[in-house]
């Protein structure tokens, strides 16, 4: 049985790497390809299949501003009617919108060793996985 605190480190429960997104997203595909090529083990959490847990979103919102997590450029945002879009004005309303429609979360989200990375950029991913103590090292 899983407790509500089972996401304390990340969704793997062991401090491993989790890639959150949807399988059809081009940015998620790029992230998967880079992780695979670099030999970085990860677990994929598909929002369409696995959903979005409130405790997980709350943990992210403690570490990042809500507007960094909310994808206002995607199809899911554009499909909302104007009243729904205008209602997203703060963390609480953004949280409610993302829980109601997990595809409103900017993708991909990487959770690795207590750190989060939103979106995809190859140089950023490479430095992210080197870790804080290895920034100057070449792979």
N, C-alpha and C. Protein backbone atom coordinates (compact mmCIF):
# COMPACT_ATOMS: atom_id res chain seq x y z
N UNK A 1 0.85 -1.18 0.00
CA UNK A 1 0.00 0.00 0.00
C UNK A 1 0.89 1.24 0.00
N UNK A 2 0.52 2.23 -0.77
CA UNK A 2 1.31 3.45 -0.89
C UNK A 2 0.70 4.53 -0.03
N UNK A 3 1.54 5.23 0.71
CA UNK A 3 1.05 6.32 1.54
C UNK A 3 1.07 7.61 0.74
N UNK A 4 0.34 8.65 1.20
CA UNK A 4 0.37 9.93 0.50
C UNK A 4 1.77 10.53 0.45
N UNK A 5 2.64 10.11 1.35
CA UNK A 5 4.01 10.62 1.38
C UNK A 5 4.95 9.81 0.51
N UNK A 6 4.43 8.89 -0.28
CA UNK A 6 5.29 8.02 -1.08
C UNK A 6 6.06 8.79 -2.14
N UNK A 7 5.63 10.02 -2.42
CA UNK A 7 6.33 10.84 -3.40
C UNK A 7 7.37 11.75 -2.72
N UNK A 8 7.76 11.45 -1.51
CA UNK A 8 8.65 12.33 -0.75
C UNK A 8 9.93 12.63 -1.50
N UNK A 9 10.53 11.64 -2.16
CA UNK A 9 11.74 11.90 -2.93
C UNK A 9 11.39 12.06 -4.39
N UNK A 10 10.76 11.10 -4.96
CA UNK A 10 10.16 11.20 -6.29
C UNK A 10 9.28 9.99 -6.49
N UNK A 11 8.67 9.90 -7.63
CA UNK A 11 7.68 8.85 -7.84
C UNK A 11 8.28 7.45 -7.87
N UNK A 12 9.59 7.31 -8.00
CA UNK A 12 10.18 5.98 -7.97
C UNK A 12 10.35 5.50 -6.54
N UNK A 13 10.35 6.43 -5.57
CA UNK A 13 10.51 6.07 -4.18
C UNK A 13 11.95 5.79 -3.80
N UNK A 14 12.87 5.84 -4.76
CA UNK A 14 14.26 5.50 -4.46
C UNK A 14 15.25 6.60 -4.84
N UNK A 15 14.76 7.77 -5.16
CA UNK A 15 15.66 8.86 -5.53
C UNK A 15 16.11 8.77 -6.97
N UNK A 16 15.57 7.85 -7.76
CA UNK A 16 15.94 7.72 -9.16
C UNK A 16 15.36 8.84 -10.00
N UNK A 17 15.53 8.72 -11.29
CA UNK A 17 15.09 9.74 -12.22
C UNK A 17 13.71 9.39 -12.78
N UNK A 18 12.83 10.38 -12.81
CA UNK A 18 11.52 10.21 -13.40
C UNK A 18 11.33 11.28 -14.46
N UNK A 19 10.87 10.86 -15.62
CA UNK A 19 10.53 11.76 -16.72
C UNK A 19 9.01 11.79 -16.81
N UNK A 20 8.43 12.98 -16.63
CA UNK A 20 6.99 13.17 -16.68
C UNK A 20 6.61 13.84 -17.99
N UNK A 21 5.52 13.40 -18.59
CA UNK A 21 5.05 14.02 -19.82
C UNK A 21 4.02 13.14 -20.48
N UNK A 22 3.94 13.25 -21.81
CA UNK A 22 3.08 12.37 -22.60
C UNK A 22 3.91 11.80 -23.74
N UNK A 23 3.63 10.57 -24.10
CA UNK A 23 4.44 9.87 -25.09
C UNK A 23 4.45 10.56 -26.45
N UNK A 24 3.38 11.24 -26.81
CA UNK A 24 3.27 11.85 -28.13
C UNK A 24 3.96 13.22 -28.24
N UNK A 25 4.43 13.77 -27.15
CA UNK A 25 5.05 15.11 -27.14
C UNK A 25 6.46 15.06 -27.74
N UNK A 26 6.73 15.92 -28.71
CA UNK A 26 8.05 15.95 -29.35
C UNK A 26 9.16 16.24 -28.35
N UNK A 27 8.92 17.16 -27.42
CA UNK A 27 9.95 17.50 -26.43
C UNK A 27 10.23 16.32 -25.50
N UNK A 28 9.21 15.57 -25.17
CA UNK A 28 9.38 14.38 -24.33
C UNK A 28 10.17 13.33 -25.11
N UNK A 29 9.86 13.16 -26.38
CA UNK A 29 10.62 12.21 -27.21
C UNK A 29 12.09 12.58 -27.27
N UNK A 30 12.39 13.87 -27.41
CA UNK A 30 13.79 14.32 -27.43
C UNK A 30 14.47 14.02 -26.09
N UNK A 31 13.75 14.27 -25.00
CA UNK A 31 14.30 14.00 -23.67
C UNK A 31 14.58 12.52 -23.50
N UNK A 32 13.65 11.67 -23.93
CA UNK A 32 13.85 10.22 -23.83
C UNK A 32 15.06 9.79 -24.64
N UNK A 33 15.19 10.32 -25.85
CA UNK A 33 16.32 9.95 -26.72
C UNK A 33 17.64 10.35 -26.07
N UNK A 34 17.70 11.54 -25.49
CA UNK A 34 18.94 11.99 -24.85
C UNK A 34 19.25 11.12 -23.63
N UNK A 35 18.26 10.85 -22.80
CA UNK A 35 18.49 10.02 -21.62
C UNK A 35 18.95 8.62 -22.02
N UNK A 36 18.31 8.06 -23.04
CA UNK A 36 18.70 6.73 -23.51
C UNK A 36 20.13 6.74 -24.06
N UNK A 37 20.46 7.73 -24.87
CA UNK A 37 21.79 7.83 -25.47
C UNK A 37 22.87 8.03 -24.40
N UNK A 38 22.52 8.75 -23.34
CA UNK A 38 23.48 9.00 -22.26
C UNK A 38 23.54 7.85 -21.26
N UNK A 39 22.68 6.86 -21.43
CA UNK A 39 22.68 5.72 -20.51
C UNK A 39 22.13 6.06 -19.14
N UNK A 40 21.25 7.05 -19.07
CA UNK A 40 20.66 7.45 -17.79
C UNK A 40 19.36 6.68 -17.58
N UNK A 41 19.31 5.90 -16.52
CA UNK A 41 18.11 5.12 -16.21
C UNK A 41 17.02 6.07 -15.71
N UNK A 42 15.82 5.83 -16.16
CA UNK A 42 14.70 6.66 -15.73
C UNK A 42 13.41 5.86 -15.82
N UNK A 43 12.40 6.36 -15.14
CA UNK A 43 11.06 5.81 -15.25
C UNK A 43 10.21 6.87 -15.93
N UNK A 44 9.38 6.47 -16.89
CA UNK A 44 8.51 7.41 -17.59
C UNK A 44 7.13 7.40 -16.96
N UNK A 45 6.64 8.58 -16.63
CA UNK A 45 5.30 8.76 -16.06
C UNK A 45 4.48 9.52 -17.09
N UNK A 46 3.55 8.83 -17.73
CA UNK A 46 2.72 9.43 -18.77
C UNK A 46 1.47 10.03 -18.13
N UNK A 47 1.31 11.35 -18.26
CA UNK A 47 0.16 12.00 -17.65
C UNK A 47 -1.16 11.44 -18.16
N UNK A 48 -1.20 11.01 -19.42
CA UNK A 48 -2.45 10.46 -19.97
C UNK A 48 -2.79 9.11 -19.35
N UNK A 49 -1.79 8.33 -19.01
CA UNK A 49 -2.00 7.00 -18.46
C UNK A 49 -2.02 7.03 -16.94
N UNK A 50 -1.03 7.71 -16.36
CA UNK A 50 -0.81 7.69 -14.92
C UNK A 50 -1.45 8.85 -14.17
N UNK A 51 -1.89 9.88 -14.90
CA UNK A 51 -2.51 11.04 -14.26
C UNK A 51 -1.51 11.93 -13.54
N UNK A 52 -2.02 12.83 -12.75
CA UNK A 52 -1.21 13.75 -11.97
C UNK A 52 -1.74 13.76 -10.55
N UNK A 53 -0.91 13.39 -9.63
CA UNK A 53 -1.25 13.30 -8.21
C UNK A 53 -1.12 14.69 -7.56
N UNK A 54 -2.09 15.04 -6.72
CA UNK A 54 -2.07 16.33 -6.04
C UNK A 54 -0.84 16.53 -5.17
N UNK A 55 -0.40 15.48 -4.49
CA UNK A 55 0.78 15.60 -3.62
C UNK A 55 2.04 15.88 -4.46
N UNK A 56 2.14 15.24 -5.61
CA UNK A 56 3.27 15.47 -6.50
C UNK A 56 3.27 16.91 -7.00
N UNK A 57 2.12 17.38 -7.48
CA UNK A 57 2.03 18.76 -7.97
C UNK A 57 2.34 19.74 -6.84
N UNK A 58 1.85 19.48 -5.65
CA UNK A 58 2.13 20.37 -4.51
C UNK A 58 3.63 20.45 -4.24
N UNK A 59 4.31 19.31 -4.32
CA UNK A 59 5.76 19.32 -4.10
C UNK A 59 6.47 20.16 -5.15
N UNK A 60 6.04 20.03 -6.41
CA UNK A 60 6.64 20.84 -7.48
C UNK A 60 6.37 22.32 -7.23
N UNK A 61 5.14 22.63 -6.81
CA UNK A 61 4.77 24.03 -6.59
C UNK A 61 5.49 24.65 -5.39
N UNK A 62 6.01 23.82 -4.50
CA UNK A 62 6.82 24.34 -3.41
C UNK A 62 8.21 24.73 -3.91
N UNK A 63 8.62 24.18 -5.03
CA UNK A 63 9.97 24.39 -5.53
C UNK A 63 10.04 25.29 -6.76
N UNK A 64 8.92 25.47 -7.44
CA UNK A 64 8.88 26.27 -8.66
C UNK A 64 7.66 27.18 -8.65
N UNK A 65 7.76 28.33 -9.31
CA UNK A 65 6.57 29.17 -9.42
C UNK A 65 5.51 28.49 -10.31
N UNK A 66 4.26 28.70 -9.99
CA UNK A 66 3.17 28.04 -10.71
C UNK A 66 3.21 28.35 -12.20
N UNK A 67 3.59 29.58 -12.57
CA UNK A 67 3.58 29.93 -13.98
C UNK A 67 4.74 29.30 -14.75
N UNK A 68 5.72 28.73 -14.04
CA UNK A 68 6.78 27.97 -14.72
C UNK A 68 6.28 26.57 -15.08
N UNK A 69 5.31 26.07 -14.35
CA UNK A 69 4.75 24.73 -14.60
C UNK A 69 3.58 24.74 -15.56
N UNK A 70 2.87 25.85 -15.64
CA UNK A 70 1.67 25.93 -16.46
C UNK A 70 2.03 26.23 -17.91
N UNK A 71 1.61 25.35 -18.81
CA UNK A 71 1.90 25.50 -20.23
C UNK A 71 0.78 26.28 -20.91
N UNK A 72 1.03 27.56 -21.13
CA UNK A 72 0.03 28.42 -21.77
C UNK A 72 0.18 28.45 -23.29
N UNK A 73 1.12 27.69 -23.82
CA UNK A 73 1.33 27.68 -25.27
C UNK A 73 0.74 26.46 -25.96
N UNK A 74 0.37 25.47 -25.19
CA UNK A 74 -0.06 24.20 -25.76
C UNK A 74 -1.52 24.15 -26.18
N UNK A 75 -1.85 23.08 -26.85
CA UNK A 75 -3.20 22.85 -27.34
C UNK A 75 -4.20 22.77 -26.20
N UNK A 76 -3.82 22.14 -25.09
CA UNK A 76 -4.76 21.99 -23.97
C UNK A 76 -5.18 23.35 -23.42
N UNK A 77 -4.25 24.29 -23.35
CA UNK A 77 -4.57 25.64 -22.89
C UNK A 77 -5.49 26.33 -23.88
N UNK A 78 -5.17 26.21 -25.15
CA UNK A 78 -5.98 26.87 -26.19
C UNK A 78 -7.39 26.29 -26.27
N UNK A 79 -7.55 25.02 -25.88
CA UNK A 79 -8.87 24.39 -25.90
C UNK A 79 -9.77 24.86 -24.76
N UNK A 80 -9.18 25.43 -23.71
CA UNK A 80 -10.00 25.96 -22.63
C UNK A 80 -10.78 27.16 -23.15
N UNK A 81 -11.99 27.34 -22.65
CA UNK A 81 -12.71 28.54 -23.08
C UNK A 81 -12.10 29.76 -22.37
N UNK A 82 -12.40 30.93 -22.88
CA UNK A 82 -11.78 32.15 -22.36
C UNK A 82 -12.04 32.34 -20.87
N UNK A 83 -13.21 32.00 -20.42
CA UNK A 83 -13.54 32.13 -19.00
C UNK A 83 -12.61 31.28 -18.14
N UNK A 84 -12.33 30.04 -18.60
CA UNK A 84 -11.44 29.15 -17.85
C UNK A 84 -10.01 29.70 -17.84
N UNK A 85 -9.55 30.20 -18.97
CA UNK A 85 -8.18 30.75 -19.04
C UNK A 85 -8.05 31.98 -18.13
N UNK A 86 -9.04 32.85 -18.16
CA UNK A 86 -8.99 34.06 -17.34
C UNK A 86 -9.07 33.76 -15.85
N UNK A 87 -9.62 32.61 -15.49
CA UNK A 87 -9.75 32.23 -14.08
C UNK A 87 -8.42 31.77 -13.48
N UNK A 88 -7.42 31.47 -14.31
CA UNK A 88 -6.11 31.03 -13.80
C UNK A 88 -5.27 32.27 -13.53
N UNK A 89 -5.27 32.69 -12.27
CA UNK A 89 -4.61 33.94 -11.89
C UNK A 89 -3.58 33.80 -10.79
N UNK A 90 -3.54 32.64 -10.13
CA UNK A 90 -2.63 32.46 -9.00
C UNK A 90 -2.32 30.97 -8.85
N UNK A 91 -1.51 30.65 -7.84
CA UNK A 91 -1.10 29.26 -7.64
C UNK A 91 -2.28 28.34 -7.39
N UNK A 92 -3.24 28.76 -6.60
CA UNK A 92 -4.37 27.90 -6.28
C UNK A 92 -5.21 27.59 -7.53
N UNK A 93 -5.48 28.60 -8.34
CA UNK A 93 -6.29 28.36 -9.55
C UNK A 93 -5.49 27.58 -10.59
N UNK A 94 -4.19 27.81 -10.67
CA UNK A 94 -3.34 27.05 -11.60
C UNK A 94 -3.27 25.59 -11.17
N UNK A 95 -3.14 25.36 -9.87
CA UNK A 95 -3.11 23.99 -9.34
C UNK A 95 -4.39 23.26 -9.71
N UNK A 96 -5.54 23.91 -9.49
CA UNK A 96 -6.83 23.29 -9.80
C UNK A 96 -6.92 22.97 -11.29
N UNK A 97 -6.48 23.88 -12.13
CA UNK A 97 -6.53 23.66 -13.59
C UNK A 97 -5.64 22.49 -14.00
N UNK A 98 -4.40 22.43 -13.45
CA UNK A 98 -3.48 21.35 -13.81
C UNK A 98 -3.95 20.00 -13.30
N UNK A 99 -4.58 19.97 -12.13
CA UNK A 99 -5.12 18.70 -11.64
C UNK A 99 -6.32 18.25 -12.47
N UNK A 100 -7.13 19.20 -12.92
CA UNK A 100 -8.28 18.86 -13.75
C UNK A 100 -7.84 18.42 -15.14
N UNK A 101 -6.77 19.01 -15.64
CA UNK A 101 -6.26 18.69 -16.98
C UNK A 101 -4.73 18.62 -16.91
N UNK A 102 -4.17 17.43 -16.59
CA UNK A 102 -2.72 17.30 -16.42
C UNK A 102 -1.90 17.71 -17.65
N UNK A 103 -2.51 17.75 -18.83
CA UNK A 103 -1.76 18.15 -20.02
C UNK A 103 -1.47 19.65 -20.02
N UNK A 104 -1.97 20.38 -19.02
CA UNK A 104 -1.62 21.79 -18.87
C UNK A 104 -0.25 21.97 -18.24
N UNK A 105 0.34 20.89 -17.74
CA UNK A 105 1.69 20.96 -17.16
C UNK A 105 2.70 21.05 -18.30
N UNK A 106 3.60 22.01 -18.19
CA UNK A 106 4.66 22.15 -19.19
C UNK A 106 5.49 20.87 -19.20
N UNK A 107 5.88 20.44 -20.40
CA UNK A 107 6.57 19.16 -20.54
C UNK A 107 7.87 19.31 -21.32
N UNK A 108 8.76 18.36 -21.05
CA UNK A 108 8.75 17.36 -19.99
C UNK A 108 9.16 17.96 -18.65
N UNK A 109 8.87 17.22 -17.60
CA UNK A 109 9.37 17.52 -16.26
C UNK A 109 10.29 16.36 -15.90
N UNK A 110 11.50 16.69 -15.49
CA UNK A 110 12.45 15.68 -15.01
C UNK A 110 12.63 15.90 -13.52
N UNK A 111 12.52 14.82 -12.77
CA UNK A 111 12.81 14.87 -11.34
C UNK A 111 13.97 13.92 -11.10
N UNK A 112 15.06 14.48 -10.56
CA UNK A 112 16.30 13.72 -10.38
C UNK A 112 17.00 14.21 -9.13
N UNK A 113 17.19 13.31 -8.18
CA UNK A 113 17.92 13.64 -6.94
C UNK A 113 17.48 14.97 -6.32
N UNK A 114 16.18 15.06 -6.06
CA UNK A 114 15.61 16.24 -5.39
C UNK A 114 15.61 17.50 -6.26
N UNK A 115 15.97 17.38 -7.53
CA UNK A 115 15.99 18.55 -8.41
C UNK A 115 14.96 18.38 -9.52
N UNK A 116 14.45 19.51 -10.02
CA UNK A 116 13.48 19.51 -11.11
C UNK A 116 14.03 20.27 -12.30
N UNK A 117 13.64 19.81 -13.47
CA UNK A 117 13.97 20.50 -14.71
C UNK A 117 12.72 20.48 -15.57
N UNK A 118 12.33 21.64 -16.08
CA UNK A 118 11.11 21.77 -16.88
C UNK A 118 11.50 22.11 -18.31
N UNK A 119 10.87 21.45 -19.27
CA UNK A 119 11.15 21.70 -20.69
C UNK A 119 12.34 20.88 -21.15
N UNK A 120 12.75 21.10 -22.40
CA UNK A 120 13.88 20.36 -22.94
C UNK A 120 14.85 21.28 -23.67
N UNK A 121 16.11 21.16 -23.32
CA UNK A 121 17.22 21.79 -24.02
C UNK A 121 18.44 20.90 -23.76
N UNK A 122 19.02 20.36 -24.83
CA UNK A 122 20.09 19.38 -24.67
C UNK A 122 21.23 19.86 -23.77
N UNK A 123 21.80 21.06 -23.97
CA UNK A 123 22.90 21.48 -23.09
C UNK A 123 22.49 21.55 -21.62
N UNK A 124 21.26 21.98 -21.38
CA UNK A 124 20.77 22.07 -20.00
C UNK A 124 20.65 20.69 -19.38
N UNK A 125 20.14 19.73 -20.14
CA UNK A 125 20.02 18.35 -19.65
C UNK A 125 21.40 17.78 -19.33
N UNK A 126 22.35 17.98 -20.21
CA UNK A 126 23.69 17.43 -19.97
C UNK A 126 24.32 18.00 -18.71
N UNK A 127 24.18 19.31 -18.49
CA UNK A 127 24.75 19.89 -17.27
C UNK A 127 23.93 19.48 -16.04
N UNK A 128 22.64 19.34 -16.19
CA UNK A 128 21.76 18.93 -15.09
C UNK A 128 22.18 17.56 -14.54
N UNK A 129 22.49 16.63 -15.44
CA UNK A 129 22.84 15.28 -15.01
C UNK A 129 24.29 15.15 -14.57
N UNK A 130 25.11 16.13 -14.85
CA UNK A 130 26.47 16.12 -14.30
C UNK A 130 26.43 16.40 -12.82
N UNK A 131 25.42 17.13 -12.37
CA UNK A 131 25.28 17.42 -10.94
C UNK A 131 26.03 18.65 -10.54
N UNK A 132 25.70 19.21 -9.39
CA UNK A 132 26.29 20.47 -8.95
C UNK A 132 27.80 20.39 -8.75
N UNK A 133 28.31 19.24 -8.33
CA UNK A 133 29.75 19.12 -8.08
C UNK A 133 30.55 18.80 -9.32
N UNK A 134 29.89 18.59 -10.46
CA UNK A 134 30.59 18.15 -11.65
C UNK A 134 30.43 19.12 -12.81
N UNK A 135 30.03 20.35 -12.55
CA UNK A 135 29.73 21.30 -13.61
C UNK A 135 30.90 21.52 -14.57
N UNK A 136 32.11 21.53 -14.07
CA UNK A 136 33.25 21.82 -14.94
C UNK A 136 33.82 20.62 -15.68
N UNK A 137 33.36 19.43 -15.37
CA UNK A 137 33.93 18.22 -15.97
C UNK A 137 33.36 17.94 -17.34
N UNK A 138 34.18 17.37 -18.19
CA UNK A 138 33.73 16.90 -19.49
C UNK A 138 33.27 15.46 -19.33
N UNK A 139 32.26 15.09 -20.08
CA UNK A 139 31.75 13.71 -20.00
C UNK A 139 32.65 12.74 -20.70
